[in-house]
Amino acid sequence: MRRKRWLLLLALPLFALFVAIGGEVVKLLWNWLLPTLFGAPEITFWQALGLLALCRILFGGFRLAGGRSRSRVGRRMAERWERMTPEEREALRQRLRGRCGPFGPFEPPDPGPPDPEPTA
């Protein structure tokens, strides 16, 4: 129990320091780049923290655990993919191409026969 208390006492100031440094870095980068490049107004430290929070919500989700973990659906699809034979995988790719369009390298459409040259 004592160890958990010490970790908590150490984690809170480190988290506050991390947030403060992150907010200051965002503020400095914003105020250095955006007003010059795009004419955006300068922001305060608190606005920079709000911007960090907004980015976390939009791009990071609400998970407290670090790293990217697969969703349950993603894990199930990966397991299903591993159990498929190469023929089944290719059949699935063909079905997806029919629904979503081609994947992979761009293949230009066949231009067809050349137009006859005009006679003068």
Protein backbone atom coordinates (compact mmCIF):
# COMPACT_ATOMS: atom_id res chain seq x y z
CA MET A 1 0.00 0.00 0.00
CA ARG A 2 2.86 2.37 0.79
CA ARG A 3 4.34 1.84 -2.66
CA LYS A 4 1.06 2.82 -4.35
CA ARG A 5 0.90 5.98 -2.24
CA TRP A 6 4.42 6.97 -3.27
CA LEU A 7 3.64 6.31 -6.92
CA LEU A 8 0.54 8.48 -6.68
CA LEU A 9 2.46 11.25 -4.94
CA LEU A 10 5.11 11.10 -7.66
CA ALA A 11 2.67 10.72 -10.57
CA LEU A 12 0.54 13.78 -9.85
CA PRO A 13 3.37 16.35 -10.03
CA LEU A 14 4.87 14.60 -13.06
CA PHE A 15 1.51 14.71 -14.83
CA ALA A 16 1.11 18.41 -13.98
CA LEU A 17 4.63 19.08 -15.28
CA PHE A 18 3.90 17.15 -18.47
CA VAL A 19 0.69 19.13 -19.07
CA ALA A 20 2.44 22.44 -18.36
CA ILE A 21 5.32 21.67 -20.73
CA GLY A 22 2.93 20.41 -23.42
CA GLY A 23 0.76 23.52 -23.19
CA GLU A 24 3.78 25.82 -23.32
CA VAL A 25 5.26 24.00 -26.32
CA VAL A 26 1.96 24.21 -28.23
CA LYS A 27 1.63 27.90 -27.37
CA LEU A 28 5.18 28.70 -28.48
CA LEU A 29 4.89 26.75 -31.74
CA TRP A 30 1.49 28.27 -32.55
CA ASN A 31 2.62 31.81 -31.83
CA TRP A 32 5.84 31.29 -33.78
CA LEU A 33 4.32 29.75 -36.92
CA LEU A 34 0.65 30.48 -37.46
CA PRO A 35 0.53 34.29 -37.16
CA THR A 36 3.37 34.57 -39.68
CA LEU A 37 2.12 31.92 -42.09
CA PHE A 38 -1.64 32.37 -41.96
CA GLY A 39 -2.32 35.57 -40.03
CA ALA A 40 -3.88 33.64 -37.13
CA PRO A 41 -4.05 35.40 -33.75
CA GLU A 42 -1.63 34.52 -30.99
CA ILE A 43 -2.96 32.25 -28.25
CA THR A 44 -2.54 32.09 -24.48
CA PHE A 45 -1.30 29.17 -22.39
CA TRP A 46 -4.87 28.21 -21.46
CA GLN A 47 -5.98 28.28 -25.08
CA ALA A 48 -3.04 26.02 -25.93
CA LEU A 49 -4.17 23.57 -23.22
CA GLY A 50 -7.68 23.66 -24.69
CA LEU A 51 -6.23 22.94 -28.12
CA LEU A 52 -4.32 19.97 -26.71
CA ALA A 53 -7.49 18.65 -25.09
CA LEU A 54 -9.45 19.11 -28.33
CA CYS A 55 -6.79 17.20 -30.29
CA ARG A 56 -6.90 14.42 -27.71
CA ILE A 57 -10.67 14.17 -28.04
CA LEU A 58 -10.68 14.27 -31.84
CA PHE A 59 -7.63 12.15 -32.59
CA GLY A 60 -6.83 10.18 -29.44
CA GLY A 61 -10.15 9.17 -27.99
CA PHE A 62 -10.83 8.88 -24.29
CA ARG A 63 -8.66 5.88 -23.42
CA LEU A 64 -6.48 6.31 -20.39
CA ALA A 65 -4.11 3.50 -21.35
CA GLY A 66 -1.20 4.48 -23.54
CA GLY A 67 -0.62 3.14 -27.02
CA ARG A 68 -3.01 1.99 -29.67
CA SER A 69 -4.95 -1.13 -28.87
CA ARG A 70 -7.14 -2.84 -31.41
CA SER A 71 -10.84 -2.76 -30.92
CA ARG A 72 -12.72 -5.99 -30.38
CA VAL A 73 -13.94 -5.90 -33.98
CA GLY A 74 -10.40 -5.34 -35.25
CA ARG A 75 -9.06 -8.26 -33.23
CA ARG A 76 -11.85 -10.53 -34.46
CA MET A 77 -11.21 -9.55 -38.08
CA ALA A 78 -7.45 -10.14 -37.68
CA GLU A 79 -8.11 -13.59 -36.20
CA ARG A 80 -10.54 -14.40 -39.00
CA TRP A 81 -8.03 -13.21 -41.61
CA GLU A 82 -5.35 -15.49 -40.14
CA ARG A 83 -7.66 -18.52 -40.42
CA MET A 84 -8.45 -17.84 -44.09
CA THR A 85 -6.75 -19.68 -46.91
CA PRO A 86 -5.09 -17.61 -49.65
CA GLU A 87 -8.04 -18.35 -51.93
CA GLU A 88 -10.54 -17.11 -49.35
CA ARG A 89 -8.47 -13.96 -48.81
CA GLU A 90 -8.44 -13.23 -52.54
CA ALA A 91 -12.21 -13.82 -52.74
CA LEU A 92 -12.70 -11.33 -49.89
CA ARG A 93 -10.46 -8.80 -51.64
CA GLN A 94 -12.54 -9.17 -54.81
CA ARG A 95 -15.79 -8.63 -52.87
CA LEU A 96 -14.33 -5.52 -51.22
CA ARG A 97 -13.15 -4.18 -54.58
CA GLY A 98 -16.69 -4.59 -55.88
CA ARG A 99 -18.05 -2.54 -52.95
CA CYS A 100 -15.33 0.01 -52.32
CA GLY A 101 -13.46 0.35 -55.58
CA PRO A 102 -9.97 -0.80 -56.48
CA PHE A 103 -7.20 -1.04 -53.93
CA GLY A 104 -3.53 -1.09 -54.70
CA PRO A 105 -1.63 0.53 -57.56
CA PHE A 106 -3.49 2.88 -59.87
CA GLU A 107 -4.43 1.31 -63.18
CA PRO A 108 -5.53 3.83 -65.81
CA PRO A 109 -8.59 2.88 -67.87
CA ASP A 110 -8.09 1.38 -71.31
CA PRO A 111 -8.19 4.29 -73.80
CA GLY A 112 -9.65 2.11 -76.57
CA PRO A 113 -8.71 2.30 -80.23
CA PRO A 114 -7.04 5.51 -81.45
CA ASP A 115 -9.17 8.09 -83.24
CA PRO A 116 -8.73 8.14 -87.01
CA GLU A 117 -6.69 11.06 -88.28
CA PRO A 118 -8.77 13.77 -89.93
CA THR A 119 -8.35 14.10 -93.66
CA ALA A 120 -7.98 17.51 -95.16
